[in-house]
Amino acid sequence: MKTDVLVLNQDYQPLSVCSVQRSVKLVFLNKAELLHDNPGRVLRTVDDEYSYPSVIRLRKYIRIPYARISLSRRNIMKRDLQTCQYCGVKSDLTLDHVMPKSRGGRDTWENLITACNTCNVKKGNRTPEEAGMPLRNKPYRPVHVTFFRHMMNGVQENWKPYLYM
């Protein structure tokens, strides 16, 4: 079973996800501290047992430039969990403009959603309100933290406080 470890910066901001092996190296080299372990598992050596890491925090602050997620078809599908925002179907997907382009709608995070072809054609050149097709989720500009859950198909329970969930 592949297990990932959440890596936090010194100020507790989520930085990345790494392997258990990498996290153990960081802890043993005193470059990180263990914040949460996986209670059901341990790492064994011939002579000793160690906590199985789940969340670690770096001891030195790592300065990273502001990470903006680019507007792309792939990222919109990822944000919307590969699901039609009108009916919930997970197949035959395309992108839809909430405010149609012909009526001044732009290509922005707040105006693009994932929709199945059937719903996209049904909505046509109207807004969701005009078409009587309410959105399941309001479109938003994601932050890099949002994409952690997609990298490893879900978030471990003890990560949630650090990911503001």
Protein backbone atom coordinates (compact mmCIF):
# COMPACT_ATOMS: atom_id res chain seq x y z
CA MET A 1 0.00 0.00 0.00
CA LYS A 2 1.49 3.32 -1.10
CA THR A 3 1.27 5.95 1.61
CA ASP A 4 2.03 9.62 1.17
CA VAL A 5 3.17 12.15 3.75
CA LEU A 6 2.05 15.78 3.86
CA VAL A 7 4.99 18.20 4.04
CA LEU A 8 4.40 21.55 5.75
CA ASN A 9 6.63 24.60 5.64
CA GLN A 10 7.99 25.98 8.92
CA ASP A 11 4.93 28.26 9.15
CA TYR A 12 2.58 25.24 8.78
CA GLN A 13 1.62 26.09 5.20
CA PRO A 14 1.20 22.96 3.01
CA LEU A 15 4.13 22.60 0.61
CA SER A 16 3.91 19.20 -1.00
CA VAL A 17 3.40 15.50 -0.60
CA CYS A 18 6.31 13.05 -0.41
CA SER A 19 6.94 9.36 0.14
CA VAL A 20 7.31 7.79 3.58
CA GLN A 21 10.96 7.01 2.79
CA ARG A 22 11.73 10.66 1.98
CA SER A 23 9.92 11.89 5.10
CA VAL A 24 11.85 9.48 7.35
CA LYS A 25 15.13 10.75 5.87
CA LEU A 26 14.11 14.36 6.55
CA VAL A 27 13.18 13.55 10.15
CA PHE A 28 16.35 11.56 10.85
CA LEU A 29 18.54 14.28 9.30
CA ASN A 30 16.78 16.73 11.64
CA LYS A 31 15.50 18.77 8.68
CA ALA A 32 11.87 18.11 9.65
CA GLU A 33 9.83 17.19 12.68
CA LEU A 34 7.07 14.61 12.88
CA LEU A 35 3.69 16.22 13.64
CA HIS A 36 1.35 13.26 13.09
CA ASP A 37 2.01 9.60 12.76
CA ASN A 38 -0.10 6.86 11.29
CA PRO A 39 -1.36 5.15 14.47
CA GLY A 40 -1.98 1.76 12.89
CA ARG A 41 1.51 1.37 11.45
CA VAL A 42 5.14 1.40 12.59
CA LEU A 43 8.53 1.25 10.90
CA ARG A 44 10.68 -1.57 12.24
CA THR A 45 14.41 -2.12 12.21
CA VAL A 46 16.27 -5.04 13.71
CA ASP A 47 16.57 -3.24 17.04
CA ASP A 48 13.89 -0.57 17.14
CA GLU A 49 10.42 0.68 16.16
CA TYR A 50 9.65 4.16 14.84
CA SER A 51 6.47 6.11 14.21
CA TYR A 52 5.07 5.88 10.70
CA PRO A 53 4.86 9.50 9.45
CA SER A 54 1.71 11.10 8.09
CA VAL A 55 2.45 14.85 8.50
CA ILE A 56 5.89 16.45 8.87
CA ARG A 57 6.97 20.09 9.24
CA LEU A 58 10.23 21.48 7.89
CA ARG A 59 12.51 23.12 10.46
CA LYS A 60 13.72 25.81 8.01
CA TYR A 61 11.36 28.06 6.10
CA ILE A 62 11.37 27.37 2.36
CA ARG A 63 10.54 30.44 0.31
CA ILE A 64 8.46 29.58 -2.72
CA PRO A 65 7.08 32.02 -5.26
CA TYR A 66 3.32 32.45 -5.35
CA ALA A 67 1.97 29.39 -7.08
CA ARG A 68 -0.78 30.31 -9.50
CA ILE A 69 -2.65 27.49 -11.12
CA SER A 70 -3.00 28.12 -14.83
CA LEU A 71 -6.43 28.19 -16.42
CA SER A 72 -6.63 25.08 -18.58
CA ARG A 73 -9.18 22.50 -19.60
CA ARG A 74 -7.38 19.87 -17.53
CA ASN A 75 -7.33 22.03 -14.39
CA ILE A 76 -11.01 22.95 -14.69
CA MET A 77 -11.89 19.26 -15.01
CA LYS A 78 -9.71 18.55 -11.97
CA ARG A 79 -11.32 21.34 -9.93
CA ASP A 80 -14.80 20.03 -10.80
CA LEU A 81 -13.79 16.42 -9.97
CA GLN A 82 -14.43 15.23 -13.57
CA THR A 83 -18.17 15.71 -12.99
CA CYS A 84 -20.89 17.58 -14.89
CA GLN A 85 -21.81 20.58 -12.76
CA TYR A 86 -25.44 20.36 -13.88
CA CYS A 87 -26.39 16.67 -13.61
CA GLY A 88 -23.43 14.93 -11.91
CA VAL A 89 -22.55 12.59 -14.79
CA LYS A 90 -18.87 11.61 -15.13
CA SER A 91 -18.69 10.84 -18.86
CA ASP A 92 -18.79 12.65 -22.20
CA LEU A 93 -17.49 15.86 -20.59
CA THR A 94 -16.72 19.24 -22.10
CA LEU A 95 -16.36 22.81 -20.85
CA ASP A 96 -19.25 25.26 -20.58
CA HIS A 97 -19.34 29.01 -20.08
CA VAL A 98 -21.76 29.93 -17.27
CA MET A 99 -22.31 33.30 -18.98
CA PRO A 100 -22.16 32.41 -22.70
CA LYS A 101 -19.29 33.90 -24.72
CA SER A 102 -21.78 35.39 -27.19
CA ARG A 103 -23.22 37.43 -24.30
CA GLY A 104 -19.90 38.72 -23.00
CA GLY A 105 -18.80 35.72 -20.95
CA ARG A 106 -15.03 35.39 -20.64
CA ASP A 107 -12.62 32.51 -20.20
CA THR A 108 -12.10 32.79 -16.44
CA TRP A 109 -12.08 30.39 -13.49
CA GLU A 110 -15.37 31.88 -12.31
CA ASN A 111 -17.11 31.45 -15.69
CA LEU A 112 -15.94 28.01 -16.88
CA ILE A 113 -17.30 24.71 -15.59
CA THR A 114 -17.29 21.04 -16.54
CA ALA A 115 -20.49 19.89 -18.25
CA CYS A 116 -21.59 16.79 -20.15
CA ASN A 117 -22.46 17.30 -23.81
CA THR A 118 -26.17 16.68 -23.15
CA CYS A 119 -26.42 19.42 -20.51
CA ASN A 120 -24.23 21.81 -22.53
CA VAL A 121 -26.54 21.50 -25.56
CA LYS A 122 -29.67 21.73 -23.36
CA LYS A 123 -28.39 24.94 -21.72
CA GLY A 124 -27.52 26.44 -25.09
CA ASN A 125 -26.96 30.19 -25.26
CA ARG A 126 -28.56 30.89 -21.88
CA THR A 127 -27.40 31.31 -18.30
CA PRO A 128 -28.09 28.43 -15.88
CA GLU A 129 -30.93 30.44 -14.30
CA GLU A 130 -32.58 31.11 -17.67
CA ALA A 131 -32.29 27.43 -18.59
CA GLY A 132 -33.60 26.25 -15.21
CA MET A 133 -30.38 24.27 -14.64
CA PRO A 134 -28.86 25.20 -11.26
CA LEU A 135 -25.14 24.60 -10.76
CA ARG A 136 -24.11 21.94 -8.24
CA ASN A 137 -21.05 24.01 -7.20
CA LYS A 138 -20.18 27.64 -7.76
CA PRO A 139 -17.06 27.94 -9.95
CA TYR A 140 -13.99 29.41 -8.21
CA ARG A 141 -10.29 30.10 -8.72
CA PRO A 142 -8.47 27.25 -6.96
CA VAL A 143 -5.36 27.61 -4.85
CA HIS A 144 -2.54 25.05 -4.95
CA VAL A 145 -3.73 23.48 -1.68
CA THR A 146 -6.98 22.47 -3.42
CA PHE A 147 -5.05 20.20 -5.73
CA PHE A 148 -3.41 18.12 -2.96
CA ARG A 149 -6.44 15.87 -2.73
CA HIS A 150 -6.25 15.13 -6.47
CA MET A 151 -2.58 14.13 -6.33
CA MET A 152 -3.25 11.18 -4.06
CA ASN A 153 -6.96 10.43 -4.62
CA GLY A 154 -8.23 11.83 -1.37
CA VAL A 155 -6.97 13.39 1.81
CA GLN A 156 -6.01 11.52 4.95
CA GLU A 157 -8.14 12.50 7.93
CA ASN A 158 -5.26 13.96 9.98
CA TRP A 159 -4.24 16.22 7.04
CA LYS A 160 -7.52 18.14 7.04
CA PRO A 161 -6.64 20.69 9.77
CA TYR A 162 -3.49 21.64 7.82
CA LEU A 163 -5.34 21.90 4.49
CA TYR A 164 -8.13 24.07 5.99
CA MET A 165 -10.84 21.48 5.32
